[in-house]
Amino acid sequence: MALLQIEDLSLGYGSKSIFKDINASEDEGCLIALLGSNGRGKSTLLRTIARLEEIYEPSKGKILYEGKEASSYSKKEMSRMVSFVSPVTERAPYLKVKDLVSINSYYRTDWMGTISKSEEEKILKALRMVGLEGFEERECTSLSDGEFQRATIAGAIVQDSRIILLDEPTAFLDIANKYLITGLLKTIAEKKLIIFSTHDLQLALQVCDRLWVMTSDGFFCGSPSQLTENGQIEKMFDVEGVRFDKEKQSFVPTK
């Protein structure tokens, strides 16, 4: 039984349809890049899978975790199953790195929200994993974009959900930090299912186990080699004068 199964899913707000007929079946131990042009619905798909708000309820179809419909999970059960990492956003002043990460322990705290010693150890271990050991007392506003993104990923590690969803985790980062973050996700995905949206096609083709591609012709999923050979990567953009070069693993101008 698949950890995550999506059946005939349609995305939309009320009567407005954004994307339809999404089908996928995925298990842990996999790093997946979600690709597509701007406005195609990548963020909406991730937020719908995570069931963040009522507006992201599917307009049609099902999302199942281990064969059980997502809508039947309690909030506490959802916290154990799925975590969501937003893009780098404005940071709260005076919020320390340790406090930012500890927020993800809330569903395991007592009625007063006390962080136990074992939880503190998990927080420190997560910070070590993302290369932020010694940053516990640093204010989030003092971090670089790459450091702050690593701190948010540490929070997802502390939450210890089986599925981690990330919306544009490498946006606004330099090349070195993009590879650092993606390499970190690859390591974490050995025991989790991780799905992240990105516009960095070359990075996705080089590092990820599987791709989800949202195009004007529909939704496609498979290994990078499968989608490249089948021509489905080429359908990502409906722009004249641009084609996908298989050798360069990138879109290039047509001559």
Protein backbone atom coordinates (compact mmCIF):
# COMPACT_ATOMS: atom_id res chain seq x y z
CA MET A 1 0.00 0.00 0.00
CA ALA A 2 1.47 3.35 -1.08
CA LEU A 3 2.33 5.94 1.56
CA LEU A 4 0.79 8.67 -0.62
CA GLN A 5 -1.81 8.01 -3.27
CA ILE A 6 -3.56 10.65 -5.37
CA GLU A 7 -6.59 9.64 -7.42
CA ASP A 8 -8.20 11.79 -10.13
CA LEU A 9 -7.46 14.94 -8.14
CA SER A 10 -8.70 18.33 -9.36
CA LEU A 11 -7.48 21.61 -7.90
CA GLY A 12 -9.57 24.75 -7.68
CA TYR A 13 -11.29 27.41 -5.62
CA GLY A 14 -15.05 27.04 -5.60
CA SER A 15 -16.17 26.86 -9.22
CA LYS A 16 -12.76 27.90 -10.58
CA SER A 17 -10.69 24.96 -11.83
CA ILE A 18 -6.88 25.26 -11.81
CA PHE A 19 -5.73 21.77 -12.75
CA LYS A 20 -7.40 18.36 -13.07
CA ASP A 21 -6.76 14.62 -13.42
CA ILE A 22 -3.74 14.31 -11.12
CA ASN A 23 -2.79 10.71 -10.35
CA ALA A 24 0.29 9.53 -8.45
CA SER A 25 1.39 6.77 -6.10
CA GLU A 26 4.57 7.27 -4.03
CA ASP A 27 6.42 5.65 -1.13
CA GLU A 28 9.04 6.73 1.38
CA GLY A 29 12.69 6.66 0.43
CA CYS A 30 12.03 8.99 -2.51
CA LEU A 31 12.92 12.59 -3.40
CA ILE A 32 10.49 14.14 -5.89
CA ALA A 33 10.71 17.48 -7.70
CA LEU A 34 7.45 19.15 -8.71
CA LEU A 35 7.95 21.10 -11.94
CA GLY A 36 5.82 23.40 -14.06
CA SER A 37 5.54 26.93 -15.36
CA ASN A 38 4.40 29.85 -13.18
CA GLY A 39 0.71 29.76 -12.35
CA ARG A 40 0.30 26.09 -13.21
CA GLY A 41 -0.75 25.17 -9.67
CA LYS A 42 2.37 23.71 -8.01
CA SER A 43 1.92 25.54 -4.70
CA THR A 44 -1.80 24.76 -4.68
CA LEU A 45 -1.09 21.06 -5.20
CA LEU A 46 1.37 20.94 -2.29
CA ARG A 47 -0.99 22.84 0.00
CA THR A 48 -3.88 20.60 -1.02
CA ILE A 49 -1.87 17.47 -0.19
CA ALA A 50 -0.97 19.03 3.18
CA ARG A 51 -4.60 20.10 3.79
CA LEU A 52 -3.42 23.46 5.12
CA GLU A 53 -6.71 25.34 4.84
CA GLU A 54 -10.29 24.70 3.78
CA ILE A 55 -9.73 26.62 0.53
CA TYR A 56 -7.27 23.91 -0.47
CA GLU A 57 -9.80 21.09 -0.23
CA PRO A 58 -9.81 19.12 -3.52
CA SER A 59 -12.66 20.08 -5.83
CA LYS A 60 -12.64 16.46 -7.03
CA GLY A 61 -10.75 13.23 -6.35
CA LYS A 62 -8.97 11.71 -3.36
CA ILE A 63 -5.75 12.00 -1.39
CA LEU A 64 -4.92 8.93 0.66
CA TYR A 65 -2.19 8.22 3.20
CA GLU A 66 -1.56 4.48 3.50
CA GLY A 67 -4.97 3.84 1.95
CA LYS A 68 -6.84 6.13 4.35
CA GLU A 69 -8.42 9.33 3.06
CA ALA A 70 -6.59 12.45 4.21
CA SER A 71 -9.85 14.12 5.21
CA SER A 72 -10.39 11.45 7.90
CA TYR A 73 -7.14 12.28 9.73
CA SER A 74 -7.22 14.42 12.85
CA LYS A 75 -4.91 17.43 13.10
CA LYS A 76 -2.60 15.50 15.41
CA GLU A 77 -2.51 12.55 13.02
CA MET A 78 -1.80 14.92 10.13
CA SER A 79 1.13 16.40 12.08
CA ARG A 80 2.66 12.95 12.27
CA MET A 81 2.01 12.25 8.59
CA VAL A 82 2.77 15.52 6.77
CA SER A 83 4.86 18.64 7.31
CA PHE A 84 4.93 21.68 5.05
CA VAL A 85 7.81 24.11 4.57
CA SER A 86 6.84 27.47 3.07
CA PRO A 87 9.15 29.57 0.89
CA VAL A 88 11.56 31.90 2.68
CA THR A 89 9.33 34.65 4.09
CA GLU A 90 9.54 37.70 6.31
CA ARG A 91 11.02 36.75 9.67
CA ALA A 92 9.64 37.64 13.07
CA PRO A 93 11.96 39.97 15.00
CA TYR A 94 13.62 38.57 18.14
CA LEU A 95 12.60 34.98 17.26
CA LYS A 96 15.55 32.71 17.96
CA VAL A 97 16.51 29.76 15.77
CA LYS A 98 15.85 27.26 18.55
CA ASP A 99 12.37 28.69 19.11
CA LEU A 100 11.58 28.61 15.38
CA VAL A 101 12.50 24.94 15.16
CA SER A 102 10.77 24.00 18.44
CA ILE A 103 7.39 25.12 17.07
CA ASN A 104 7.31 21.82 15.18
CA SER A 105 7.32 19.89 18.48
CA TYR A 106 3.98 21.33 19.57
CA TYR A 107 1.89 18.21 18.98
CA ARG A 108 4.16 16.20 21.32
CA THR A 109 4.20 18.74 24.18
CA ASP A 110 2.09 18.62 27.35
CA TRP A 111 -0.99 20.77 27.95
CA MET A 112 1.26 23.72 28.89
CA GLY A 113 3.30 23.39 25.70
CA THR A 114 6.47 22.49 27.61
CA ILE A 115 9.41 21.23 25.56
CA SER A 116 10.82 18.09 27.20
CA LYS A 117 14.51 17.22 27.44
CA SER A 118 14.12 14.55 24.75
CA GLU A 119 12.49 17.13 22.45
CA GLU A 120 15.36 19.55 23.06
CA GLU A 121 17.77 16.80 22.03
CA LYS A 122 15.80 16.28 18.80
CA ILE A 123 15.97 20.02 18.09
CA LEU A 124 19.74 20.13 18.61
CA LYS A 125 20.22 17.00 16.49
CA ALA A 126 18.15 18.51 13.66
CA LEU A 127 20.22 21.70 13.75
CA ARG A 128 23.39 19.62 13.53
CA MET A 129 21.96 17.75 10.54
CA VAL A 130 21.38 20.98 8.61
CA GLY A 131 24.73 22.48 9.58
CA LEU A 132 23.41 25.01 12.10
CA GLU A 133 24.97 23.70 15.29
CA GLY A 134 25.72 26.66 17.55
CA PHE A 135 22.99 28.81 15.95
CA GLU A 136 20.40 28.03 18.67
CA GLU A 137 20.44 31.50 20.24
CA ARG A 138 20.86 33.44 16.99
CA GLU A 139 17.91 35.61 15.97
CA CYS A 140 16.30 34.52 12.69
CA THR A 141 16.63 38.04 11.29
CA SER A 142 20.42 37.67 11.44
CA LEU A 143 20.47 34.57 9.20
CA SER A 144 21.20 34.51 5.49
CA ASP A 145 18.49 33.15 3.18
CA GLY A 146 20.32 29.82 2.94
CA GLU A 147 20.71 29.55 6.72
CA PHE A 148 17.08 30.44 7.32
CA GLN A 149 15.92 27.84 4.78
CA ARG A 150 18.03 25.23 6.55
CA ALA A 151 16.42 26.25 9.85
CA THR A 152 12.93 25.70 8.41
CA ILE A 153 14.00 22.28 7.15
CA ALA A 154 15.31 21.50 10.64
CA GLY A 155 11.80 22.25 11.87
CA ALA A 156 10.37 19.67 9.46
CA ILE A 157 12.94 17.13 10.71
CA VAL A 158 11.87 17.80 14.31
CA GLN A 159 8.22 17.35 13.40
CA ASP A 160 9.28 13.88 12.20
CA SER A 161 6.44 13.45 9.72
CA ARG A 162 6.62 10.70 7.13
CA ILE A 163 5.99 13.11 4.25
CA ILE A 164 7.75 16.48 3.90
CA LEU A 165 6.43 19.01 1.37
CA LEU A 166 8.48 22.08 0.48
CA ASP A 167 7.39 25.01 -1.66
CA GLU A 168 10.35 26.45 -3.60
CA PRO A 169 13.01 25.65 -0.96
CA THR A 170 15.86 26.73 -3.29
CA ALA A 171 14.29 29.97 -4.53
CA PHE A 172 16.52 33.05 -4.13
CA LEU A 173 19.53 30.92 -3.17
CA ASP A 174 22.90 30.92 -4.87
CA ILE A 175 24.19 27.83 -6.70
CA ALA A 176 26.19 26.53 -3.73
CA ASN A 177 23.22 26.78 -1.35
CA LYS A 178 20.86 25.23 -3.91
CA TYR A 179 23.03 22.12 -4.06
CA LEU A 180 23.52 22.13 -0.29
CA ILE A 181 19.76 22.25 0.36
CA THR A 182 18.94 19.67 -2.31
CA GLY A 183 21.70 17.36 -1.07
CA LEU A 184 20.30 17.68 2.43
CA LEU A 185 16.83 16.76 1.19
CA LYS A 186 18.28 13.76 -0.65
CA THR A 187 19.81 12.51 2.60
CA ILE A 188 16.61 13.02 4.60
CA ALA A 189 14.57 11.28 1.86
CA GLU A 190 16.32 7.98 2.56
CA LYS A 191 13.69 7.43 5.27
CA LYS A 192 10.97 9.88 4.20
CA LEU A 193 8.92 10.87 1.18
CA ILE A 194 9.95 14.39 0.18
CA ILE A 195 8.26 16.46 -2.53
CA PHE A 196 9.46 19.96 -3.36
CA SER A 197 8.49 22.46 -6.04
CA THR A 198 11.23 24.09 -8.06
CA HIS A 199 12.01 25.91 -11.29
CA ASP A 200 15.54 24.52 -11.37
CA LEU A 201 15.15 21.76 -13.97
CA GLN A 202 18.83 20.79 -14.16
CA LEU A 203 19.05 20.38 -10.40
CA ALA A 204 15.91 18.23 -10.39
CA LEU A 205 17.17 16.02 -13.22
CA GLN A 206 20.53 15.49 -11.52
CA VAL A 207 19.44 14.84 -7.93
CA CYS A 208 15.84 13.60 -7.75
CA ASP A 209 14.54 10.04 -7.88
CA ARG A 210 11.29 11.03 -9.55
CA LEU A 211 9.61 14.07 -11.09
CA TRP A 212 6.06 15.37 -11.09
CA VAL A 213 5.46 17.62 -14.08
CA MET A 214 2.42 19.88 -14.51
CA THR A 215 1.87 20.90 -18.14
CA SER A 216 -0.90 22.21 -20.38
CA ASP A 217 -1.27 18.61 -21.61
CA GLY A 218 -1.76 17.20 -18.13
CA PHE A 219 0.11 15.78 -15.16
CA PHE A 220 3.03 13.38 -15.65
CA CYS A 221 5.15 11.49 -13.12
CA GLY A 222 8.12 9.18 -13.49
CA SER A 223 11.89 9.02 -13.28
CA PRO A 224 13.92 11.84 -14.86
CA SER A 225 15.10 9.51 -17.63
CA GLN A 226 11.55 8.32 -18.38
CA LEU A 227 10.09 11.80 -18.66
CA THR A 228 13.05 13.03 -20.70
CA GLU A 229 12.89 10.17 -23.19
CA ASN A 230 9.08 10.30 -23.46
CA GLY A 231 9.18 14.00 -24.33
CA GLN A 232 7.03 15.00 -21.36
CA ILE A 233 9.66 17.40 -19.99
CA GLU A 234 9.37 19.35 -23.25
CA LYS A 235 5.72 20.08 -22.49
CA MET A 236 6.55 22.15 -19.41
CA PHE A 237 6.53 25.44 -21.34
CA ASP A 238 4.23 26.61 -24.13
CA VAL A 239 6.63 29.22 -25.45
CA GLU A 240 7.68 29.67 -29.05
CA GLY A 241 11.39 29.84 -29.64
CA VAL A 242 12.27 27.50 -26.76
CA ARG A 243 13.00 23.76 -26.87
CA PHE A 244 14.35 21.13 -24.48
CA ASP A 245 17.91 19.98 -25.25
CA LYS A 246 18.37 16.41 -23.99
CA GLU A 247 22.17 16.62 -24.05
CA LYS A 248 22.30 19.86 -22.05
CA GLN A 249 19.35 18.75 -19.88
CA SER A 250 17.92 22.24 -20.18
CA PHE A 251 15.64 24.48 -22.22
CA VAL A 252 17.48 26.44 -24.88
CA PRO A 253 16.46 28.97 -27.59
CA THR A 254 15.57 27.47 -30.95
CA LYS A 255 17.71 28.63 -33.85
